[in-house]
N, C-alpha and C. Protein backbone atom coordinates (compact mmCIF):
# COMPACT_ATOMS: atom_id res chain seq x y z
N MET A 1 -28.71 45.28 13.28
CA MET A 1 -28.70 44.51 11.97
C MET A 1 -27.59 43.68 11.59
N LYS A 2 -26.24 44.22 12.01
CA LYS A 2 -25.07 43.55 11.86
C LYS A 2 -25.12 42.09 12.41
N LYS A 3 -25.65 42.15 13.86
CA LYS A 3 -25.65 41.10 14.77
C LYS A 3 -26.65 40.07 14.08
N THR A 4 -27.79 40.52 13.56
CA THR A 4 -28.70 39.73 13.02
C THR A 4 -28.21 38.89 11.77
N VAL A 5 -27.40 39.46 10.92
CA VAL A 5 -26.68 39.00 9.93
C VAL A 5 -25.75 37.75 10.28
N ILE A 6 -25.08 38.16 11.36
CA ILE A 6 -23.95 37.31 11.69
C ILE A 6 -24.71 35.96 12.18
N ALA A 7 -25.75 36.21 13.23
CA ALA A 7 -26.43 35.13 13.82
C ALA A 7 -27.13 34.17 12.80
N THR A 8 -27.58 34.81 11.64
CA THR A 8 -28.21 34.10 10.60
C THR A 8 -27.33 33.08 10.00
N ALA A 9 -26.22 33.86 9.71
CA ALA A 9 -24.99 33.00 9.13
C ALA A 9 -24.52 31.85 9.66
N LEU A 10 -24.45 32.12 11.08
CA LEU A 10 -23.85 30.98 12.09
C LEU A 10 -25.00 29.89 12.06
N LEU A 11 -26.34 30.12 12.13
CA LEU A 11 -27.40 29.22 12.03
C LEU A 11 -27.28 28.41 10.76
N ALA A 12 -26.95 29.11 9.70
CA ALA A 12 -27.00 28.37 8.35
C ALA A 12 -25.94 27.42 8.43
N VAL A 13 -24.73 27.74 8.75
CA VAL A 13 -23.58 27.01 8.88
C VAL A 13 -23.81 25.67 9.92
N SER A 14 -24.36 26.07 11.08
CA SER A 14 -24.57 24.75 11.87
C SER A 14 -25.77 24.01 11.39
N ALA A 15 -26.45 24.39 10.59
CA ALA A 15 -27.58 23.55 10.15
C ALA A 15 -27.19 22.62 8.73
N SER A 16 -25.97 23.07 8.22
CA SER A 16 -25.48 22.57 7.01
C SER A 16 -25.09 21.08 7.40
N PRO A 17 -25.29 20.13 6.51
CA PRO A 17 -24.91 18.64 6.78
C PRO A 17 -23.24 18.67 6.87
N VAL A 18 -22.94 17.87 7.69
CA VAL A 18 -21.45 17.77 7.98
C VAL A 18 -20.92 16.79 6.93
N PHE A 19 -19.90 17.20 6.15
CA PHE A 19 -19.26 16.38 5.20
C PHE A 19 -17.93 15.86 5.80
N ALA A 20 -17.67 14.59 5.45
CA ALA A 20 -16.47 13.93 6.03
C ALA A 20 -15.24 14.56 5.11
N ALA A 21 -14.19 14.75 5.73
CA ALA A 21 -13.03 15.20 4.99
C ALA A 21 -11.89 14.20 4.93
N ALA A 22 -11.11 14.34 4.06
CA ALA A 22 -9.78 13.48 3.91
C ALA A 22 -9.24 13.31 5.07
N GLU A 23 -8.94 12.06 5.58
CA GLU A 23 -8.14 11.77 6.75
C GLU A 23 -6.90 11.20 6.42
N ASN A 24 -5.83 11.67 7.23
CA ASN A 24 -4.30 11.21 7.05
C ASN A 24 -3.94 10.10 7.92
N TYR A 25 -3.40 9.10 7.53
CA TYR A 25 -3.02 7.87 8.43
C TYR A 25 -1.55 7.58 8.06
N SER A 26 -1.09 7.10 9.30
CA SER A 26 0.31 6.64 9.17
C SER A 26 0.22 5.05 9.29
N ILE A 27 0.80 4.30 8.32
CA ILE A 27 0.73 2.82 8.34
C ILE A 27 1.57 2.42 9.67
N ASP A 28 0.76 1.49 10.26
CA ASP A 28 1.28 0.80 11.58
C ASP A 28 2.56 0.12 11.47
N THR A 29 3.36 0.13 12.57
CA THR A 29 4.68 -0.44 12.60
C THR A 29 4.68 -1.92 11.79
N PRO A 30 5.44 -2.08 10.88
CA PRO A 30 5.51 -3.45 10.26
C PRO A 30 5.69 -4.51 11.35
N GLY A 31 4.88 -5.66 11.04
CA GLY A 31 4.99 -6.66 12.04
C GLY A 31 4.01 -6.61 12.96
N MET A 32 3.63 -5.36 13.32
CA MET A 32 2.53 -5.20 14.32
C MET A 32 1.14 -5.49 13.59
N HIS A 33 0.73 -4.51 12.78
CA HIS A 33 -0.58 -4.67 12.05
C HIS A 33 -0.66 -4.38 10.70
N ALA A 34 0.54 -4.53 10.04
CA ALA A 34 0.69 -4.11 8.61
C ALA A 34 1.78 -5.00 8.08
N SER A 35 1.56 -5.36 6.84
CA SER A 35 2.54 -6.27 6.33
C SER A 35 2.66 -6.10 4.59
N VAL A 36 3.73 -6.22 4.18
CA VAL A 36 4.03 -6.37 2.66
C VAL A 36 4.57 -7.64 2.43
N ASN A 37 3.77 -8.71 1.80
CA ASN A 37 3.99 -10.07 1.55
C ASN A 37 4.24 -10.32 0.14
N PHE A 38 4.70 -11.43 -0.30
CA PHE A 38 4.80 -11.90 -1.66
C PHE A 38 4.66 -13.30 -1.72
N LYS A 39 4.54 -13.81 -3.02
CA LYS A 39 4.76 -15.19 -3.37
C LYS A 39 5.02 -15.15 -4.74
N ILE A 40 6.03 -16.31 -5.06
CA ILE A 40 6.26 -16.76 -6.25
C ILE A 40 6.36 -18.14 -6.60
N ASN A 41 5.86 -18.67 -7.72
CA ASN A 41 5.86 -19.95 -8.06
C ASN A 41 7.40 -20.64 -8.08
N HIS A 42 7.37 -21.90 -7.41
CA HIS A 42 8.56 -22.61 -7.49
C HIS A 42 8.47 -23.93 -8.49
N LEU A 43 8.94 -23.72 -9.65
CA LEU A 43 8.98 -24.77 -10.58
C LEU A 43 7.75 -25.35 -11.00
N GLY A 44 6.67 -24.63 -10.66
CA GLY A 44 5.51 -25.06 -11.09
C GLY A 44 4.76 -25.89 -10.09
N TYR A 45 5.43 -26.25 -9.05
CA TYR A 45 5.02 -27.21 -8.13
C TYR A 45 4.47 -26.75 -6.70
N SER A 46 4.96 -25.58 -6.46
CA SER A 46 4.55 -25.06 -5.02
C SER A 46 4.92 -23.55 -5.01
N TRP A 47 4.78 -22.76 -3.86
CA TRP A 47 4.91 -21.30 -3.86
C TRP A 47 6.10 -21.09 -2.73
N ILE A 48 6.84 -20.24 -3.03
CA ILE A 48 7.87 -19.48 -2.07
C ILE A 48 7.13 -18.36 -1.72
N VAL A 49 6.95 -18.24 -0.27
CA VAL A 49 6.37 -17.17 0.29
C VAL A 49 7.37 -16.30 1.11
N GLY A 50 7.23 -15.07 1.07
CA GLY A 50 8.05 -14.28 1.91
C GLY A 50 7.28 -12.75 2.36
N ARG A 51 8.37 -11.97 2.70
CA ARG A 51 7.74 -10.74 3.32
C ARG A 51 8.86 -9.71 3.21
N PHE A 52 8.60 -8.35 3.40
CA PHE A 52 9.62 -7.43 3.61
C PHE A 52 9.37 -6.87 5.27
N ASN A 53 10.31 -6.99 5.95
CA ASN A 53 10.28 -6.60 7.24
C ASN A 53 10.22 -5.26 7.68
N ASP A 54 10.78 -4.38 6.73
CA ASP A 54 11.04 -2.88 6.94
C ASP A 54 10.40 -2.08 5.86
N PHE A 55 9.38 -1.34 6.37
CA PHE A 55 8.82 -0.47 5.34
C PHE A 55 7.86 0.52 6.07
N SER A 56 7.63 1.57 5.37
CA SER A 56 6.84 2.71 6.13
C SER A 56 5.94 3.30 5.01
N GLY A 57 4.95 4.10 5.50
CA GLY A 57 4.12 4.93 4.52
C GLY A 57 3.12 5.55 5.12
N ASN A 58 2.20 6.15 4.25
CA ASN A 58 1.04 6.87 4.89
C ASN A 58 0.07 6.80 3.88
N PHE A 59 -1.16 6.94 4.18
CA PHE A 59 -2.26 6.96 3.24
C PHE A 59 -3.32 8.02 3.57
N VAL A 60 -4.09 8.57 2.58
CA VAL A 60 -5.06 9.44 2.92
C VAL A 60 -6.41 8.88 2.52
N PHE A 61 -7.46 8.96 3.29
CA PHE A 61 -8.70 8.32 2.86
C PHE A 61 -9.91 9.45 3.07
N ASP A 62 -10.68 9.51 1.98
CA ASP A 62 -11.92 10.39 2.06
C ASP A 62 -13.01 9.48 1.54
N GLU A 63 -13.87 9.22 2.41
CA GLU A 63 -14.93 8.21 2.10
C GLU A 63 -16.13 8.78 1.12
N ASP A 64 -16.00 10.32 1.05
CA ASP A 64 -17.08 10.76 0.18
C ASP A 64 -16.52 11.17 -1.20
N ASN A 65 -15.27 11.09 -1.37
CA ASN A 65 -14.56 11.28 -2.64
C ASN A 65 -13.31 10.69 -2.91
N ALA A 66 -13.45 9.50 -3.51
CA ALA A 66 -12.17 8.65 -3.68
C ALA A 66 -11.05 9.41 -4.37
N ALA A 67 -11.33 10.23 -5.11
CA ALA A 67 -10.29 11.09 -6.03
C ALA A 67 -9.32 11.76 -5.10
N ASN A 68 -9.83 11.76 -3.69
CA ASN A 68 -8.75 12.61 -2.82
C ASN A 68 -8.00 11.30 -2.02
N ASN A 69 -8.16 10.08 -2.34
CA ASN A 69 -7.59 9.08 -1.54
C ASN A 69 -6.04 8.88 -2.32
N SER A 70 -5.09 8.42 -1.50
CA SER A 70 -3.77 8.33 -1.97
C SER A 70 -3.08 7.33 -1.01
N VAL A 71 -2.01 6.89 -1.49
CA VAL A 71 -0.96 5.80 -0.62
C VAL A 71 0.31 5.96 -1.33
N ASP A 72 1.25 5.88 -0.12
CA ASP A 72 2.62 6.11 -0.46
C ASP A 72 3.46 5.09 0.47
N ILE A 73 4.09 4.29 -0.12
CA ILE A 73 4.85 3.07 0.67
C ILE A 73 6.41 3.06 0.31
N THR A 74 7.25 3.07 1.13
CA THR A 74 8.61 2.82 1.03
C THR A 74 9.05 1.41 1.61
N VAL A 75 9.43 0.62 0.82
CA VAL A 75 10.13 -0.71 1.43
C VAL A 75 11.60 -0.70 1.43
N LYS A 76 12.32 -1.33 2.49
CA LYS A 76 13.66 -1.37 2.32
C LYS A 76 13.87 -2.88 1.86
N THR A 77 14.43 -2.91 0.78
CA THR A 77 14.63 -4.16 0.06
C THR A 77 15.54 -5.26 0.85
N ALA A 78 16.43 -4.65 1.56
CA ALA A 78 17.29 -5.79 2.25
C ALA A 78 16.56 -6.39 3.36
N SER A 79 15.48 -5.84 3.70
CA SER A 79 14.73 -6.58 4.67
C SER A 79 13.74 -7.85 4.39
N ILE A 80 14.11 -8.16 2.98
CA ILE A 80 13.31 -9.45 2.52
C ILE A 80 13.63 -10.57 3.29
N ASP A 81 12.53 -11.53 3.47
CA ASP A 81 12.60 -12.55 4.38
C ASP A 81 11.80 -13.72 3.77
N THR A 82 12.40 -14.79 3.38
CA THR A 82 11.71 -15.98 3.03
C THR A 82 11.74 -17.10 4.12
N ASN A 83 12.36 -16.79 5.20
CA ASN A 83 12.69 -17.82 6.11
C ASN A 83 13.82 -18.78 5.58
N HIS A 84 14.92 -18.47 4.72
CA HIS A 84 15.82 -19.18 4.28
C HIS A 84 16.85 -18.27 3.99
N GLY A 85 18.00 -18.26 4.89
CA GLY A 85 19.12 -17.40 4.96
C GLY A 85 19.92 -17.37 3.39
N GLU A 86 20.11 -18.41 2.98
CA GLU A 86 20.92 -18.57 1.83
C GLU A 86 20.08 -18.22 0.70
N ARG A 87 18.83 -18.39 0.52
CA ARG A 87 18.03 -17.91 -0.56
C ARG A 87 17.75 -16.29 -0.41
N ASP A 88 17.74 -15.88 0.84
CA ASP A 88 17.56 -14.29 1.00
C ASP A 88 18.81 -13.75 0.51
N ARG A 89 20.11 -14.37 0.82
CA ARG A 89 21.18 -13.56 0.46
C ARG A 89 21.18 -13.59 -1.22
N HIS A 90 20.79 -14.54 -1.85
CA HIS A 90 20.71 -14.81 -3.19
C HIS A 90 19.67 -13.60 -3.81
N ILE A 91 18.55 -13.42 -3.17
CA ILE A 91 17.67 -12.61 -3.52
C ILE A 91 18.15 -11.11 -3.37
N ARG A 92 18.85 -10.87 -2.40
CA ARG A 92 19.44 -9.57 -2.22
C ARG A 92 20.66 -9.25 -3.22
N SER A 93 21.20 -10.17 -3.92
CA SER A 93 22.38 -10.06 -4.73
C SER A 93 21.95 -9.31 -6.18
N ASP A 94 22.68 -9.11 -7.01
CA ASP A 94 22.52 -8.41 -8.04
C ASP A 94 21.87 -9.35 -9.14
N ASP A 95 21.68 -10.51 -8.89
CA ASP A 95 20.95 -11.38 -9.57
C ASP A 95 19.54 -11.01 -9.66
N PHE A 96 19.06 -10.35 -8.37
CA PHE A 96 17.65 -10.07 -8.28
C PHE A 96 17.49 -8.62 -7.88
N LEU A 97 17.31 -8.34 -6.57
CA LEU A 97 16.99 -6.97 -6.06
C LEU A 97 18.17 -6.13 -6.13
N ASP A 98 19.50 -6.49 -6.11
CA ASP A 98 20.60 -5.74 -5.91
C ASP A 98 20.51 -4.62 -4.86
N VAL A 99 20.29 -5.05 -3.64
CA VAL A 99 19.94 -4.10 -2.59
C VAL A 99 20.95 -3.04 -2.24
N SER A 100 22.36 -3.47 -2.32
CA SER A 100 23.20 -2.46 -2.29
C SER A 100 23.04 -1.28 -3.29
N LYS A 101 22.67 -1.50 -4.51
CA LYS A 101 22.53 -0.49 -5.50
C LYS A 101 21.03 0.18 -5.49
N PHE A 102 20.17 -0.61 -5.07
CA PHE A 102 18.70 -0.07 -5.00
C PHE A 102 18.11 -0.48 -3.63
N PRO A 103 18.47 0.24 -2.60
CA PRO A 103 18.03 -0.16 -1.17
C PRO A 103 16.44 -0.08 -0.95
N GLU A 104 15.88 0.66 -1.74
CA GLU A 104 14.49 1.07 -1.61
C GLU A 104 13.62 0.73 -2.83
N ALA A 105 12.35 0.14 -2.49
CA ALA A 105 11.38 0.10 -3.53
C ALA A 105 10.24 1.07 -3.12
N THR A 106 9.50 1.71 -4.06
CA THR A 106 8.51 2.53 -3.60
C THR A 106 7.27 2.31 -4.45
N PHE A 107 6.16 2.85 -3.95
CA PHE A 107 4.82 2.79 -4.52
C PHE A 107 4.09 4.19 -4.10
N LYS A 108 3.86 4.90 -5.18
CA LYS A 108 3.22 6.24 -5.06
C LYS A 108 1.87 6.17 -6.07
N SER A 109 0.83 6.17 -5.32
CA SER A 109 -0.47 6.39 -6.16
C SER A 109 -0.62 7.60 -6.91
N THR A 110 -1.23 7.44 -8.13
CA THR A 110 -1.59 8.63 -8.99
C THR A 110 -3.06 8.71 -9.02
N SER A 111 -3.93 7.77 -8.75
CA SER A 111 -5.33 7.93 -8.78
C SER A 111 -5.71 6.74 -7.89
N VAL A 112 -7.09 7.11 -7.25
CA VAL A 112 -7.83 6.09 -6.64
C VAL A 112 -9.34 6.31 -7.15
N THR A 113 -9.90 5.21 -7.63
CA THR A 113 -11.45 5.10 -7.88
C THR A 113 -12.13 4.23 -7.13
N LYS A 114 -13.29 4.50 -6.71
CA LYS A 114 -14.16 3.68 -6.18
C LYS A 114 -14.79 2.54 -7.03
N ASP A 115 -14.58 1.18 -6.80
CA ASP A 115 -15.01 0.33 -7.60
C ASP A 115 -16.47 -0.14 -7.49
N ASP A 116 -16.94 -0.18 -6.25
CA ASP A 116 -18.27 -0.42 -6.14
C ASP A 116 -18.63 0.01 -4.57
N ASP A 117 -19.97 -0.37 -4.23
CA ASP A 117 -20.27 0.20 -2.80
C ASP A 117 -19.87 -0.74 -1.62
N GLU A 118 -18.99 -1.81 -1.96
CA GLU A 118 -18.57 -2.66 -0.92
C GLU A 118 -17.31 -2.22 -0.12
N GLY A 119 -16.63 -1.17 -0.55
CA GLY A 119 -15.42 -0.94 0.02
C GLY A 119 -14.15 -1.15 -0.85
N GLU A 120 -14.43 -1.51 -2.04
CA GLU A 120 -13.35 -1.84 -2.96
C GLU A 120 -12.93 -0.61 -3.89
N TYR A 121 -11.61 -0.47 -4.07
CA TYR A 121 -11.17 0.58 -4.79
C TYR A 121 -10.14 0.14 -5.73
N VAL A 122 -9.93 0.76 -6.95
CA VAL A 122 -8.85 0.45 -8.00
C VAL A 122 -7.78 1.79 -7.78
N VAL A 123 -6.55 1.11 -7.45
CA VAL A 123 -5.43 2.13 -7.22
C VAL A 123 -4.52 1.97 -8.33
N LYS A 124 -4.21 3.17 -8.91
CA LYS A 124 -3.12 3.31 -9.94
C LYS A 124 -2.09 3.98 -9.36
N GLY A 125 -0.90 3.62 -9.77
CA GLY A 125 0.28 4.48 -9.16
C GLY A 125 1.61 3.91 -10.03
N ASP A 126 2.64 4.46 -9.57
CA ASP A 126 4.05 4.14 -9.98
C ASP A 126 4.61 3.35 -8.92
N LEU A 127 5.20 2.13 -9.43
CA LEU A 127 6.13 1.25 -8.64
C LEU A 127 7.41 1.36 -9.16
N THR A 128 8.26 1.59 -8.20
CA THR A 128 9.66 1.68 -8.49
C THR A 128 10.43 0.58 -7.74
N LEU A 129 10.91 -0.22 -8.66
CA LEU A 129 11.76 -1.60 -8.11
C LEU A 129 12.84 -1.61 -9.02
N HIS A 130 14.09 -2.14 -8.38
CA HIS A 130 15.22 -2.29 -9.14
C HIS A 130 15.72 -1.24 -10.01
N GLY A 131 15.33 0.17 -9.65
CA GLY A 131 15.77 1.33 -10.37
C GLY A 131 14.79 1.55 -11.51
N VAL A 132 13.75 0.71 -11.58
CA VAL A 132 12.89 1.08 -12.86
C VAL A 132 11.54 1.38 -12.16
N THR A 133 10.97 2.44 -12.84
CA THR A 133 9.53 2.89 -12.45
C THR A 133 8.59 2.58 -13.55
N LYS A 134 7.70 1.83 -13.14
CA LYS A 134 6.42 1.37 -14.06
C LYS A 134 5.00 1.72 -13.50
N PRO A 135 4.14 2.09 -14.29
CA PRO A 135 2.75 2.27 -13.84
C PRO A 135 2.15 0.81 -13.58
N VAL A 136 1.55 0.76 -12.42
CA VAL A 136 0.69 -0.64 -12.07
C VAL A 136 -0.59 -0.21 -11.43
N GLU A 137 -1.42 -1.17 -11.43
CA GLU A 137 -2.92 -1.01 -11.00
C GLU A 137 -3.21 -2.21 -10.19
N PHE A 138 -3.90 -2.03 -8.94
CA PHE A 138 -4.40 -3.07 -8.42
C PHE A 138 -5.75 -2.74 -7.57
N GLU A 139 -6.56 -3.70 -7.11
CA GLU A 139 -7.62 -3.43 -6.24
C GLU A 139 -7.38 -3.57 -4.90
N ILE A 140 -8.00 -2.82 -4.03
CA ILE A 140 -7.76 -2.84 -2.65
C ILE A 140 -9.08 -2.93 -1.93
N GLU A 141 -9.35 -3.50 -0.90
CA GLU A 141 -10.64 -3.63 -0.12
C GLU A 141 -10.49 -3.00 1.28
N GLN A 142 -11.45 -2.32 1.65
CA GLN A 142 -11.42 -1.70 3.03
C GLN A 142 -11.91 -2.92 3.93
N VAL A 143 -10.94 -3.31 5.04
CA VAL A 143 -11.33 -4.34 5.82
C VAL A 143 -12.27 -3.88 6.94
N GLY A 144 -11.77 -2.62 7.43
CA GLY A 144 -12.65 -2.09 8.63
C GLY A 144 -12.03 -0.83 9.16
N ALA A 145 -12.82 -0.30 10.00
CA ALA A 145 -12.42 1.13 10.55
C ALA A 145 -12.96 1.16 11.94
N GLY A 146 -12.36 2.02 12.85
CA GLY A 146 -12.95 2.28 14.07
C GLY A 146 -11.97 2.68 15.26
N ASP A 147 -12.33 3.00 16.38
CA ASP A 147 -11.54 3.35 17.49
C ASP A 147 -11.00 2.28 17.93
N ASP A 148 -9.55 2.37 18.38
CA ASP A 148 -8.64 1.47 19.09
C ASP A 148 -8.72 1.48 20.53
N PRO A 149 -8.29 0.57 21.34
CA PRO A 149 -8.14 0.74 22.90
C PRO A 149 -7.19 1.71 23.31
N TRP A 150 -6.44 2.34 22.59
CA TRP A 150 -5.48 3.37 22.99
C TRP A 150 -5.80 4.76 22.69
N GLY A 151 -7.22 4.99 22.33
CA GLY A 151 -7.66 6.43 22.13
C GLY A 151 -7.49 6.90 20.73
N GLY A 152 -7.16 6.04 19.85
CA GLY A 152 -6.96 6.50 18.40
C GLY A 152 -7.93 5.89 17.50
N PHE A 153 -7.70 6.02 16.33
CA PHE A 153 -8.67 5.54 15.35
C PHE A 153 -7.88 4.94 14.17
N ARG A 154 -8.35 3.86 13.78
CA ARG A 154 -7.63 3.14 12.80
C ARG A 154 -8.64 2.59 11.71
N ARG A 155 -7.81 2.38 10.30
CA ARG A 155 -8.53 1.95 9.24
C ARG A 155 -7.68 1.23 8.50
N GLY A 156 -8.08 -0.06 8.02
CA GLY A 156 -7.24 -1.21 7.33
C GLY A 156 -7.86 -1.54 5.94
N PHE A 157 -6.87 -1.77 5.24
CA PHE A 157 -7.03 -2.24 3.71
C PHE A 157 -6.20 -3.43 3.47
N GLU A 158 -6.57 -4.24 2.50
CA GLU A 158 -5.79 -5.26 1.82
C GLU A 158 -5.90 -5.27 0.25
N GLY A 159 -4.77 -5.77 -0.30
CA GLY A 159 -4.83 -5.74 -1.75
C GLY A 159 -3.81 -6.56 -2.26
N GLU A 160 -3.82 -6.77 -3.67
CA GLU A 160 -2.73 -7.67 -4.11
C GLU A 160 -2.61 -7.17 -5.64
N MET A 161 -1.15 -7.05 -6.00
CA MET A 161 -0.98 -6.80 -7.30
C MET A 161 0.02 -7.95 -7.99
N GLU A 162 0.06 -8.14 -9.35
CA GLU A 162 0.94 -8.77 -9.92
C GLU A 162 2.18 -8.00 -10.56
N VAL A 163 3.35 -8.62 -10.44
CA VAL A 163 4.64 -7.74 -10.88
C VAL A 163 5.35 -8.78 -11.80
N LYS A 164 5.52 -8.47 -13.02
CA LYS A 164 6.33 -9.12 -13.94
C LYS A 164 7.77 -8.68 -13.70
N LEU A 165 8.76 -9.67 -13.21
CA LEU A 165 10.21 -9.43 -12.88
C LEU A 165 10.86 -8.79 -14.12
N ALA A 166 10.58 -9.36 -15.28
CA ALA A 166 11.33 -8.59 -16.29
C ALA A 166 11.07 -7.23 -16.62
N ASP A 167 9.72 -6.78 -16.31
CA ASP A 167 9.32 -5.35 -16.57
C ASP A 167 10.27 -4.51 -15.51
N PHE A 168 10.91 -5.19 -14.63
CA PHE A 168 11.71 -4.25 -13.73
C PHE A 168 13.05 -4.53 -13.85
N GLY A 169 13.67 -5.13 -14.87
CA GLY A 169 14.89 -5.41 -15.23
C GLY A 169 15.50 -6.57 -14.42
N ILE A 170 14.66 -7.42 -13.89
CA ILE A 170 15.21 -8.60 -13.07
C ILE A 170 14.97 -9.76 -14.21
N ASP A 171 16.29 -10.29 -14.73
CA ASP A 171 15.88 -11.23 -15.84
C ASP A 171 16.54 -12.47 -15.37
N TYR A 172 16.98 -12.80 -14.21
CA TYR A 172 17.37 -14.14 -13.71
C TYR A 172 16.46 -15.09 -14.13
N ASP A 173 16.79 -16.20 -14.72
CA ASP A 173 15.94 -17.20 -15.32
C ASP A 173 15.38 -18.12 -14.16
N LEU A 174 14.26 -18.04 -13.72
CA LEU A 174 13.66 -18.97 -12.80
C LEU A 174 12.72 -19.97 -13.44
N GLY A 175 12.66 -19.75 -14.84
CA GLY A 175 11.53 -20.65 -15.41
C GLY A 175 10.34 -19.86 -15.52
N PRO A 176 9.49 -20.33 -16.64
CA PRO A 176 8.33 -19.63 -16.87
C PRO A 176 7.14 -19.48 -15.77
N ALA A 177 7.10 -20.48 -14.90
CA ALA A 177 6.28 -20.40 -13.85
C ALA A 177 6.47 -19.20 -12.87
N ALA A 178 7.90 -18.63 -12.81
CA ALA A 178 8.28 -17.87 -11.70
C ALA A 178 8.33 -16.35 -12.42
N ALA A 179 7.69 -16.19 -13.61
CA ALA A 179 7.97 -14.84 -14.26
C ALA A 179 7.18 -13.77 -13.48
N THR A 180 6.16 -14.24 -12.76
CA THR A 180 5.36 -13.02 -12.16
C THR A 180 5.38 -13.34 -10.52
N VAL A 181 5.58 -12.17 -9.72
CA VAL A 181 5.62 -12.16 -8.28
C VAL A 181 4.19 -11.52 -8.03
N TYR A 182 3.60 -12.20 -6.81
CA TYR A 182 2.38 -11.57 -6.49
C TYR A 182 2.54 -10.85 -5.11
N LEU A 183 2.37 -9.58 -5.11
CA LEU A 183 2.57 -8.79 -4.14
C LEU A 183 1.21 -8.55 -3.13
N GLU A 184 1.32 -8.68 -1.90
CA GLU A 184 0.06 -8.71 -1.14
C GLU A 184 0.23 -7.65 0.05
N VAL A 185 -0.59 -6.86 0.10
CA VAL A 185 -0.39 -5.70 1.20
C VAL A 185 -1.43 -5.74 2.20
N HIS A 186 -1.19 -5.64 3.43
CA HIS A 186 -2.25 -5.32 4.44
C HIS A 186 -1.87 -4.09 5.21
N LEU A 187 -2.67 -3.13 5.17
CA LEU A 187 -2.37 -1.87 5.53
C LEU A 187 -3.14 -1.40 6.54
N GLU A 188 -2.76 -1.29 7.97
CA GLU A 188 -3.60 -0.66 9.00
C GLU A 188 -2.95 0.56 9.38
N GLY A 189 -3.74 1.60 9.26
CA GLY A 189 -3.15 2.98 9.51
C GLY A 189 -3.91 3.52 10.69
N VAL A 190 -3.01 4.47 11.33
CA VAL A 190 -3.48 5.15 12.54
C VAL A 190 -3.80 6.69 12.13
N ARG A 191 -4.78 7.17 12.40
CA ARG A 191 -5.18 8.35 11.95
C ARG A 191 -4.39 9.65 12.60
N LYS A 192 -3.80 10.44 12.01
CA LYS A 192 -2.91 11.45 12.67
C LYS A 192 -3.80 12.57 13.26
């Protein structure tokens, strides 16, 4: 009788539908397949574009339940690169990022919700920049997922958020056109 109960239980479990579980990913090496970029308006005439060359992070993805999703990124602020040495030194100074006092900027999600059936999500979280932590919200979109040539599995997202410099205590006057920085992330993760 005991064997029959165990066999029945095993059959019931094997016949149940398989549900996807939350998957953990490490963000791929910066410069390889992930990037944190930004742009800021220059005098209302054009854009200054740059990136951060040193960052790390992880994300969790659950296709069936967006509430299980999360992302955590740490950026080394001294790694800022606008392809202009003198400008980069100024941005690293206490006029802007003050990298000696605030060597890292972080983003930690507090919630993720699915926006539609096309792979778009709304991410809310805490952005810490220049020693100030503020809640922010942005949309991300899944770019794709699948096996890689090295035997791993990868998943990628992209998104953009607006950051008002004054909200984070950066009050150097660049004119009204440069009050907002647009952060753009491209995150390719390798499943752990």
